[in-house]
Amino acid sequence: MRDTLRESMSELMQFANHEPNKVTVKKYTLNNLPAYNPSEIKTVRDKTQMTQKVFSDLLGVSVRTVEAWEAGKSHPNGSARRLLQLIEQKPEMVEEIEYASAKG
């Protein structure tokens, strides 16, 4: 860990001193956050084959929150929408997370 921190600080100083040949800068562009209507949220949850309770635990929200989203009484915030997007695009990712938490 110490070596990684030292390397990172060295790269930061090279970048600050305008030495671009020694530093690799990556830029990422994220798609806009999608809006999810109640049926789309349920569809994403159904892809995971999870109950509302398990899905809420996965997202770190209460089961009442997931119920409210699926009933159209409230809407997911930005971070929840990003997580829904990731789960929608790669539902297999959830199996890895669930398996890791079950073992730990």
C-alpha atoms as a PDB file:
ATOM      1  CA  MET A   1       0.000   0.000   0.000  1.00  0.00           C
ATOM      2  CA  ARG A   2       2.785   2.381   0.907  1.00  0.00           C
ATOM      3  CA  ASP A   3       4.494   1.876  -2.479  1.00  0.00           C
ATOM      4  CA  THR A   4       1.223   2.501  -4.323  1.00  0.00           C
ATOM      5  CA  LEU A   5       0.710   5.728  -2.400  1.00  0.00           C
ATOM      6  CA  ARG A   6       4.285   6.791  -3.102  1.00  0.00           C
ATOM      7  CA  GLU A   7       3.850   6.068  -6.828  1.00  0.00           C
ATOM      8  CA  SER A   8       0.576   8.000  -6.897  1.00  0.00           C
ATOM      9  CA  MET A   9       2.163  11.009  -5.208  1.00  0.00           C
ATOM     10  CA  SER A  10       5.065  10.874  -7.654  1.00  0.00           C
ATOM     11  CA  GLU A  11       2.652  10.842 -10.606  1.00  0.00           C
ATOM     12  CA  LEU A  12       0.714  13.722  -9.092  1.00  0.00           C
ATOM     13  CA  MET A  13       3.884  15.799  -8.760  1.00  0.00           C
ATOM     14  CA  GLN A  14       4.891  14.992 -12.350  1.00  0.00           C
ATOM     15  CA  PHE A  15       1.477  16.075 -13.561  1.00  0.00           C
ATOM     16  CA  ALA A  16       1.619  19.264 -11.458  1.00  0.00           C
ATOM     17  CA  ASN A  17       5.022  20.051 -12.947  1.00  0.00           C
ATOM     18  CA  HIS A  18       3.630  19.660 -16.484  1.00  0.00           C
ATOM     19  CA  GLU A  19       5.539  16.492 -17.275  1.00  0.00           C
ATOM     20  CA  PRO A  20       2.775  14.789 -19.295  1.00  0.00           C
ATOM     21  CA  ASN A  21       5.042  12.176 -20.897  1.00  0.00           C
ATOM     22  CA  LYS A  22       5.514  10.550 -17.526  1.00  0.00           C
ATOM     23  CA  VAL A  23       1.864  10.528 -16.501  1.00  0.00           C
ATOM     24  CA  THR A  24      -1.127   8.819 -18.028  1.00  0.00           C
ATOM     25  CA  VAL A  25      -4.372  10.739 -17.636  1.00  0.00           C
ATOM     26  CA  LYS A  26      -7.600   8.880 -18.275  1.00  0.00           C
ATOM     27  CA  LYS A  27     -10.860  10.654 -18.916  1.00  0.00           C
ATOM     28  CA  TYR A  28     -14.189   8.943 -18.467  1.00  0.00           C
ATOM     29  CA  THR A  29     -17.514  10.052 -19.812  1.00  0.00           C
ATOM     30  CA  LEU A  30     -20.587   8.643 -18.117  1.00  0.00           C
ATOM     31  CA  ASN A  31     -23.962   8.420 -19.744  1.00  0.00           C
ATOM     32  CA  ASN A  32     -26.678  10.572 -18.243  1.00  0.00           C
ATOM     33  CA  LEU A  33     -28.534   8.980 -15.388  1.00  0.00           C
ATOM     34  CA  PRO A  34     -31.610   7.204 -16.657  1.00  0.00           C
ATOM     35  CA  ALA A  35     -34.987   7.837 -15.085  1.00  0.00           C
ATOM     36  CA  TYR A  36     -36.822   4.716 -13.970  1.00  0.00           C
ATOM     37  CA  ASN A  37     -40.581   4.395 -13.801  1.00  0.00           C
ATOM     38  CA  PRO A  38     -42.149   1.903 -11.367  1.00  0.00           C
ATOM     39  CA  SER A  39     -42.475  -0.947 -13.861  1.00  0.00           C
ATOM     40  CA  GLU A  40     -38.860  -0.505 -15.025  1.00  0.00           C
ATOM     41  CA  ILE A  41     -37.625  -0.706 -11.422  1.00  0.00           C
ATOM     42  CA  LYS A  42     -39.580  -3.923 -10.933  1.00  0.00           C
ATOM     43  CA  THR A  43     -38.172  -5.281 -14.201  1.00  0.00           C
ATOM     44  CA  VAL A  44     -34.615  -4.572 -13.006  1.00  0.00           C
ATOM     45  CA  ARG A  45     -35.380  -6.273  -9.683  1.00  0.00           C
ATOM     46  CA  ASP A  46     -36.968  -9.233 -11.471  1.00  0.00           C
ATOM     47  CA  LYS A  47     -33.762  -9.687 -13.495  1.00  0.00           C
ATOM     48  CA  THR A  48     -31.985 -10.374 -10.209  1.00  0.00           C
ATOM     49  CA  GLN A  49     -34.731 -12.765  -9.063  1.00  0.00           C
ATOM     50  CA  MET A  50     -34.733 -11.011  -5.680  1.00  0.00           C
ATOM     51  CA  THR A  51     -37.517 -10.137  -3.322  1.00  0.00           C
ATOM     52  CA  GLN A  52     -38.039  -6.481  -2.472  1.00  0.00           C
ATOM     53  CA  LYS A  53     -36.348  -7.118   0.897  1.00  0.00           C
ATOM     54  CA  VAL A  54     -33.200  -8.677  -0.585  1.00  0.00           C
ATOM     55  CA  PHE A  55     -33.074  -6.035  -3.328  1.00  0.00           C
ATOM     56  CA  SER A  56     -33.379  -3.273  -0.736  1.00  0.00           C
ATOM     57  CA  ASP A  57     -30.504  -4.791   1.249  1.00  0.00           C
ATOM     58  CA  LEU A  58     -28.407  -4.918  -1.925  1.00  0.00           C
ATOM     59  CA  LEU A  59     -29.079  -1.239  -2.687  1.00  0.00           C
ATOM     60  CA  GLY A  60     -28.675  -0.137   0.924  1.00  0.00           C
ATOM     61  CA  VAL A  61     -32.196   1.260   1.219  1.00  0.00           C
ATOM     62  CA  SER A  62     -35.227   0.210   3.213  1.00  0.00           C
ATOM     63  CA  VAL A  63     -37.751  -2.250   1.838  1.00  0.00           C
ATOM     64  CA  ARG A  64     -40.326   0.555   2.120  1.00  0.00           C
ATOM     65  CA  THR A  65     -38.211   2.623  -0.244  1.00  0.00           C
ATOM     66  CA  VAL A  66     -38.235  -0.125  -2.892  1.00  0.00           C
ATOM     67  CA  GLU A  67     -41.984  -0.582  -2.340  1.00  0.00           C
ATOM     68  CA  ALA A  68     -42.512   3.170  -2.836  1.00  0.00           C
ATOM     69  CA  TRP A  69     -40.437   3.190  -6.024  1.00  0.00           C
ATOM     70  CA  GLU A  70     -42.367   0.274  -7.480  1.00  0.00           C
ATOM     71  CA  ALA A  71     -45.683   1.892  -6.505  1.00  0.00           C
ATOM     72  CA  GLY A  72     -44.685   5.233  -8.026  1.00  0.00           C
ATOM     73  CA  LYS A  73     -44.921   7.047  -4.674  1.00  0.00           C
ATOM     74  CA  SER A  74     -41.278   8.129  -4.785  1.00  0.00           C
ATOM     75  CA  HIS A  75     -38.321   7.953  -7.152  1.00  0.00           C
ATOM     76  CA  PRO A  76     -34.754   6.719  -6.740  1.00  0.00           C
ATOM     77  CA  ASN A  77     -32.084   9.364  -6.164  1.00  0.00           C
ATOM     78  CA  GLY A  78     -28.996   9.736  -8.336  1.00  0.00           C
ATOM     79  CA  SER A  79     -26.827   7.092  -6.726  1.00  0.00           C
ATOM     80  CA  ALA A  80     -29.684   4.583  -6.618  1.00  0.00           C
ATOM     81  CA  ARG A  81     -30.425   5.281 -10.286  1.00  0.00           C
ATOM     82  CA  ARG A  82     -26.783   4.624 -11.165  1.00  0.00           C
ATOM     83  CA  LEU A  83     -26.898   1.330  -9.254  1.00  0.00           C
ATOM     84  CA  LEU A  84     -30.135   0.376 -11.008  1.00  0.00           C
ATOM     85  CA  GLN A  85     -28.462   1.158 -14.327  1.00  0.00           C
ATOM     86  CA  LEU A  86     -25.475  -1.035 -13.493  1.00  0.00           C
ATOM     87  CA  ILE A  87     -27.699  -3.899 -12.326  1.00  0.00           C
ATOM     88  CA  GLU A  88     -29.863  -3.555 -15.428  1.00  0.00           C
ATOM     89  CA  GLN A  89     -26.818  -3.722 -17.713  1.00  0.00           C
ATOM     90  CA  LYS A  90     -24.913  -6.422 -15.817  1.00  0.00           C
ATOM     91  CA  PRO A  91     -27.274  -8.413 -13.586  1.00  0.00           C
ATOM     92  CA  GLU A  92     -24.607 -11.116 -13.187  1.00  0.00           C
ATOM     93  CA  MET A  93     -22.580  -8.605 -11.158  1.00  0.00           C
ATOM     94  CA  VAL A  94     -25.165  -8.942  -8.380  1.00  0.00           C
ATOM     95  CA  GLU A  95     -24.558 -12.674  -8.074  1.00  0.00           C
ATOM     96  CA  GLU A  96     -20.886 -11.996  -7.361  1.00  0.00           C
ATOM     97  CA  ILE A  97     -21.745  -9.420  -4.684  1.00  0.00           C
ATOM     98  CA  GLU A  98     -24.372 -11.637  -3.090  1.00  0.00           C
ATOM     99  CA  TYR A  99     -22.029 -14.630  -3.075  1.00  0.00           C
ATOM    100  CA  ALA A 100     -19.195 -12.622  -1.538  1.00  0.00           C
ATOM    101  CA  SER A 101     -21.428 -11.266   1.238  1.00  0.00           C
ATOM    102  CA  ALA A 102     -22.833 -14.730   1.953  1.00  0.00           C
ATOM    103  CA  LYS A 103     -19.332 -16.156   2.435  1.00  0.00           C
ATOM    104  CA  GLY A 104     -18.102 -13.259   4.599  1.00  0.00           C
END
